[in-house]
């Protein structure tokens, strides 16, 4: 049986995976909520696809979105 998907996600596998596994699902995990807060902040003026395509880089830059570690940053990132 083929999945029923929204038309906007048929661009490629990245969008389909996001649609099928994340979009529309409630999030209760603090670290995942923080990840989306960061990603949404960078999304301003850009397409969500652009952010998703750079998600791996954001994850690295923000230490896996570990907000407890980030809260301890000093002027120079540890």
N, C-alpha and C. Protein backbone atom coordinates (compact mmCIF):
# COMPACT_ATOMS: atom_id res chain seq x y z
N UNK A 1 0.84 -1.18 0.00
CA UNK A 1 0.00 0.00 0.00
C UNK A 1 0.88 1.24 0.00
N UNK A 2 0.63 2.14 -0.91
CA UNK A 2 1.41 3.36 -1.04
C UNK A 2 0.97 4.40 -0.02
N UNK A 3 1.96 5.11 0.55
CA UNK A 3 1.64 6.17 1.51
C UNK A 3 0.93 7.31 0.81
N UNK A 4 0.01 7.91 1.53
CA UNK A 4 -0.64 9.12 1.03
C UNK A 4 0.16 10.29 1.60
N UNK A 5 0.65 11.15 0.72
CA UNK A 5 1.48 12.27 1.13
C UNK A 5 0.91 13.58 0.59
N UNK A 6 1.28 14.64 1.28
CA UNK A 6 0.96 15.99 0.82
C UNK A 6 1.80 16.27 -0.44
N UNK A 7 1.26 17.07 -1.33
CA UNK A 7 1.96 17.38 -2.57
C UNK A 7 3.29 18.08 -2.36
N UNK A 8 3.39 18.89 -1.30
CA UNK A 8 4.61 19.68 -1.08
C UNK A 8 5.83 18.84 -0.78
N UNK A 9 5.64 17.60 -0.36
CA UNK A 9 6.80 16.80 0.06
C UNK A 9 7.33 15.90 -1.05
N UNK A 10 6.79 15.98 -2.22
CA UNK A 10 7.21 15.08 -3.29
C UNK A 10 8.45 15.55 -4.05
N UNK A 11 9.12 16.58 -3.52
CA UNK A 11 10.30 17.12 -4.19
C UNK A 11 11.42 16.09 -4.27
N UNK A 12 11.70 15.42 -3.17
CA UNK A 12 12.75 14.40 -3.14
C UNK A 12 12.68 13.59 -1.85
N UNK A 13 13.63 12.69 -1.67
CA UNK A 13 13.63 11.80 -0.51
C UNK A 13 13.77 12.54 0.82
N UNK A 14 14.52 13.63 0.85
CA UNK A 14 14.69 14.40 2.08
C UNK A 14 13.34 14.90 2.59
N UNK A 15 12.58 15.50 1.70
CA UNK A 15 11.26 16.01 2.07
C UNK A 15 10.29 14.88 2.41
N UNK A 16 10.33 13.80 1.63
CA UNK A 16 9.44 12.66 1.92
C UNK A 16 9.74 12.07 3.29
N UNK A 17 11.02 11.91 3.62
CA UNK A 17 11.40 11.36 4.92
C UNK A 17 10.92 12.28 6.04
N UNK A 18 11.11 13.59 5.89
CA UNK A 18 10.64 14.54 6.89
C UNK A 18 9.12 14.44 7.04
N UNK A 19 8.41 14.40 5.93
CA UNK A 19 6.96 14.30 5.95
C UNK A 19 6.49 13.03 6.65
N UNK A 20 7.11 11.91 6.30
CA UNK A 20 6.66 10.61 6.81
C UNK A 20 7.03 10.38 8.27
N UNK A 21 8.16 10.93 8.71
CA UNK A 21 8.66 10.61 10.05
C UNK A 21 8.52 11.72 11.09
N UNK A 22 8.38 12.98 10.64
CA UNK A 22 8.39 14.08 11.61
C UNK A 22 7.21 15.03 11.51
N UNK A 23 6.89 15.46 10.31
CA UNK A 23 5.89 16.50 10.12
C UNK A 23 4.55 16.09 10.72
N UNK A 24 3.98 16.96 11.51
CA UNK A 24 2.67 16.72 12.08
C UNK A 24 2.66 15.85 13.32
N UNK A 25 3.83 15.38 13.75
CA UNK A 25 3.90 14.55 14.96
C UNK A 25 4.21 15.43 16.17
N UNK A 26 3.49 15.26 17.24
CA UNK A 26 3.79 16.05 18.45
C UNK A 26 5.19 15.71 18.97
N UNK A 27 5.84 16.72 19.52
CA UNK A 27 7.20 16.56 20.06
C UNK A 27 7.17 16.93 21.54
N UNK A 28 7.67 16.03 22.37
CA UNK A 28 7.68 16.25 23.82
C UNK A 28 9.09 16.26 24.40
N UNK A 29 10.06 15.83 23.61
CA UNK A 29 11.44 15.75 24.07
C UNK A 29 12.08 17.15 24.04
N UNK A 30 12.61 17.58 25.18
CA UNK A 30 13.18 18.94 25.28
C UNK A 30 14.29 19.19 24.26
N UNK A 31 15.15 18.22 24.04
CA UNK A 31 16.25 18.41 23.10
C UNK A 31 15.72 18.53 21.67
N UNK A 32 14.71 17.76 21.33
CA UNK A 32 14.13 17.84 19.99
C UNK A 32 13.39 19.17 19.81
N UNK A 33 12.72 19.62 20.84
CA UNK A 33 12.05 20.93 20.78
C UNK A 33 13.08 22.03 20.59
N UNK A 34 14.20 21.94 21.30
CA UNK A 34 15.28 22.93 21.14
C UNK A 34 15.83 22.89 19.71
N UNK A 35 15.99 21.69 19.16
CA UNK A 35 16.47 21.56 17.78
C UNK A 35 15.53 22.31 16.83
N UNK A 36 14.23 22.09 16.97
CA UNK A 36 13.29 22.76 16.09
C UNK A 36 13.27 24.28 16.32
N UNK A 37 13.46 24.71 17.54
CA UNK A 37 13.55 26.14 17.82
C UNK A 37 14.72 26.76 17.06
N UNK A 38 15.86 26.10 17.12
CA UNK A 38 17.04 26.60 16.41
C UNK A 38 16.80 26.58 14.90
N UNK A 39 16.33 25.44 14.39
CA UNK A 39 16.11 25.33 12.95
C UNK A 39 15.09 26.36 12.46
N UNK A 40 14.02 26.52 13.20
CA UNK A 40 12.99 27.50 12.81
C UNK A 40 13.56 28.93 12.84
N UNK A 41 14.44 29.21 13.78
CA UNK A 41 15.06 30.54 13.86
C UNK A 41 15.88 30.84 12.62
N UNK A 42 16.61 29.85 12.14
CA UNK A 42 17.42 30.03 10.95
C UNK A 42 16.58 30.00 9.68
N UNK A 43 15.38 29.49 9.75
CA UNK A 43 14.52 29.37 8.59
C UNK A 43 13.99 30.71 8.11
N UNK A 44 13.92 31.69 8.98
CA UNK A 44 13.33 32.98 8.63
C UNK A 44 13.84 33.47 7.27
N UNK A 45 12.94 33.60 6.33
CA UNK A 45 13.30 34.09 5.00
C UNK A 45 13.78 33.00 4.05
N UNK A 46 14.02 31.81 4.55
CA UNK A 46 14.47 30.71 3.70
C UNK A 46 13.38 29.65 3.63
N UNK A 47 13.52 28.75 2.70
CA UNK A 47 12.57 27.65 2.62
C UNK A 47 12.92 26.61 3.68
N UNK A 48 11.93 25.87 4.13
CA UNK A 48 12.17 24.80 5.10
C UNK A 48 13.07 23.74 4.50
N UNK A 49 12.94 23.53 3.19
CA UNK A 49 13.79 22.57 2.51
C UNK A 49 15.27 22.95 2.64
N UNK A 50 15.57 24.22 2.52
CA UNK A 50 16.95 24.69 2.67
C UNK A 50 17.49 24.33 4.05
N UNK A 51 16.68 24.54 5.07
CA UNK A 51 17.11 24.22 6.44
C UNK A 51 17.28 22.71 6.60
N UNK A 52 16.34 21.94 6.10
CA UNK A 52 16.46 20.48 6.21
C UNK A 52 17.72 19.97 5.50
N UNK A 53 18.06 20.57 4.38
CA UNK A 53 19.23 20.11 3.64
C UNK A 53 20.53 20.45 4.37
N UNK A 54 20.47 21.40 5.30
CA UNK A 54 21.66 21.78 6.08
C UNK A 54 21.57 21.30 7.53
N UNK A 55 20.60 20.48 7.82
CA UNK A 55 20.36 20.02 9.19
C UNK A 55 21.59 19.35 9.81
N UNK A 56 22.28 18.55 9.04
CA UNK A 56 23.48 17.88 9.53
C UNK A 56 24.52 18.90 10.01
N UNK A 57 24.68 19.97 9.27
CA UNK A 57 25.65 21.02 9.64
C UNK A 57 25.19 21.76 10.90
N UNK A 58 23.89 22.04 11.00
CA UNK A 58 23.37 22.67 12.21
C UNK A 58 23.58 21.76 13.42
N UNK A 59 23.35 20.48 13.23
CA UNK A 59 23.53 19.52 14.33
C UNK A 59 24.96 19.54 14.83
N UNK A 60 25.90 19.58 13.92
CA UNK A 60 27.32 19.64 14.30
C UNK A 60 27.65 20.98 14.97
N UNK A 61 27.20 22.06 14.38
CA UNK A 61 27.50 23.39 14.91
C UNK A 61 26.92 23.62 16.30
N UNK A 62 25.77 23.00 16.57
CA UNK A 62 25.11 23.18 17.86
C UNK A 62 25.25 21.94 18.75
N UNK A 63 26.36 21.24 18.58
CA UNK A 63 26.68 20.09 19.43
C UNK A 63 25.49 19.15 19.64
N UNK A 64 24.88 18.76 18.55
CA UNK A 64 23.76 17.82 18.63
C UNK A 64 22.54 18.42 19.29
N UNK A 65 22.47 19.75 19.31
CA UNK A 65 21.36 20.48 19.94
C UNK A 65 21.26 20.15 21.44
N UNK A 66 22.42 19.93 22.03
CA UNK A 66 22.50 19.66 23.47
C UNK A 66 22.42 21.00 24.21
N UNK A 67 21.21 21.38 24.58
CA UNK A 67 21.00 22.71 25.17
C UNK A 67 21.71 22.86 26.51
N UNK A 68 21.93 21.79 27.23
CA UNK A 68 22.66 21.88 28.50
C UNK A 68 24.11 22.22 28.26
N UNK A 69 24.69 21.64 27.23
CA UNK A 69 26.08 21.95 26.87
C UNK A 69 26.18 23.38 26.33
N UNK A 70 25.24 23.75 25.49
CA UNK A 70 25.24 25.09 24.90
C UNK A 70 25.10 26.16 25.98
N UNK A 71 24.31 25.88 27.01
CA UNK A 71 24.12 26.84 28.10
C UNK A 71 25.42 27.13 28.84
N UNK A 72 26.39 26.24 28.72
CA UNK A 72 27.68 26.41 29.40
C UNK A 72 28.74 27.04 28.51
N UNK A 73 28.38 27.38 27.27
CA UNK A 73 29.34 28.02 26.38
C UNK A 73 29.85 29.31 26.99
N UNK A 74 31.08 29.59 26.72
CA UNK A 74 31.67 30.88 27.08
C UNK A 74 31.84 31.67 25.79
N UNK A 75 32.61 32.75 25.84
CA UNK A 75 32.80 33.55 24.63
C UNK A 75 33.34 32.71 23.49
N UNK A 76 34.24 31.80 23.82
CA UNK A 76 34.74 30.86 22.82
C UNK A 76 34.06 29.53 23.06
N UNK A 77 33.49 28.98 21.98
CA UNK A 77 32.79 27.70 22.10
C UNK A 77 33.73 26.63 22.62
N UNK A 78 33.25 25.87 23.60
CA UNK A 78 34.05 24.76 24.17
C UNK A 78 34.13 23.62 23.20
